[in-house]
Amino acid sequence: MQDNLFVVGFALIFLGMIIIIISSLKSSKVEYAFGGFIGPIPFGWASSKYGLILVILTLLAILLFFQSKI
């Protein structure tokens, strides 16, 4: 089971990198948003208005994480 999750995670990261490369070749302006967790602490960076969406999704994910622990 963990081998399958590793392959899926690796494939998603690789696909994301390919999408970023293709979009940067198509236009001169590339917008990005990145977020994640270090332990239970959320973080994120963005180059456009999508940063607010990223923050909202990250906070929603942390709330779901804590709700599942109760």
Protein backbone atom coordinates (compact mmCIF):
# COMPACT_ATOMS: atom_id res chain seq x y z
CA MET A 1 0.00 0.00 0.00
CA GLN A 2 2.78 2.46 0.86
CA ASP A 3 4.55 1.68 -2.41
CA ASN A 4 1.40 2.66 -4.31
CA LEU A 5 1.12 5.93 -2.37
CA PHE A 6 4.76 6.72 -3.11
CA VAL A 7 4.23 6.16 -6.83
CA VAL A 8 1.06 8.28 -6.86
CA GLY A 9 2.77 11.10 -4.93
CA PHE A 10 5.81 11.03 -7.19
CA ALA A 11 3.59 11.03 -10.29
CA LEU A 12 1.59 14.03 -9.03
CA ILE A 13 4.75 16.02 -8.29
CA PHE A 14 6.19 15.15 -11.70
CA LEU A 15 2.91 16.09 -13.43
CA GLY A 16 2.85 19.43 -11.61
CA MET A 17 6.39 20.19 -12.72
CA ILE A 18 5.51 19.35 -16.34
CA ILE A 19 2.44 21.63 -16.20
CA ILE A 20 4.55 24.50 -14.82
CA ILE A 21 7.18 24.05 -17.53
CA ILE A 22 4.58 23.98 -20.31
CA SER A 23 2.77 27.05 -18.98
CA SER A 24 6.03 28.99 -18.67
CA LEU A 25 6.83 28.24 -22.30
CA LYS A 26 3.41 29.42 -23.45
CA SER A 27 3.48 32.80 -21.75
CA SER A 28 5.97 35.18 -20.21
CA LYS A 29 4.01 35.59 -16.96
CA VAL A 30 3.72 32.58 -14.68
CA GLU A 31 1.55 32.69 -11.58
CA TYR A 32 2.10 30.22 -8.80
CA ALA A 33 0.76 29.18 -5.43
CA PHE A 34 2.33 26.73 -3.03
CA GLY A 35 1.18 25.54 0.36
CA GLY A 36 1.70 22.74 2.77
CA PHE A 37 2.24 21.71 6.35
CA ILE A 38 5.19 21.36 8.66
CA GLY A 39 3.66 19.30 11.39
CA PRO A 40 0.32 20.94 12.20
CA ILE A 41 1.46 24.42 11.05
CA PRO A 42 0.23 25.54 7.61
CA PHE A 43 2.28 27.74 5.27
CA GLY A 44 1.94 29.11 1.77
CA TRP A 45 3.25 31.50 -0.87
CA ALA A 46 1.60 32.87 -3.98
CA SER A 47 2.31 35.37 -6.75
CA SER A 48 -1.28 36.46 -7.35
CA LYS A 49 -4.78 36.59 -5.92
CA TYR A 50 -4.73 32.81 -5.66
CA GLY A 51 -2.81 33.19 -2.42
CA LEU A 52 -6.05 33.92 -0.58
CA ILE A 53 -7.62 30.76 -1.99
CA LEU A 54 -4.52 28.84 -0.92
CA VAL A 55 -4.75 30.16 2.63
CA ILE A 56 -8.45 29.26 2.85
CA LEU A 57 -7.83 25.73 1.53
CA THR A 58 -4.91 25.23 3.90
CA LEU A 59 -6.95 26.36 6.91
CA LEU A 60 -9.79 24.08 5.84
CA ALA A 61 -7.35 21.17 5.60
CA ILE A 62 -5.96 21.86 9.07
CA LEU A 63 -9.49 22.00 10.51
CA LEU A 64 -10.30 18.65 8.88
CA PHE A 65 -7.03 17.24 10.25
CA PHE A 66 -7.85 18.25 13.82
CA GLN A 67 -11.46 17.10 13.48
CA SER A 68 -10.32 13.62 12.47
CA LYS A 69 -8.08 13.43 15.58
CA ILE A 70 -11.04 14.02 17.96
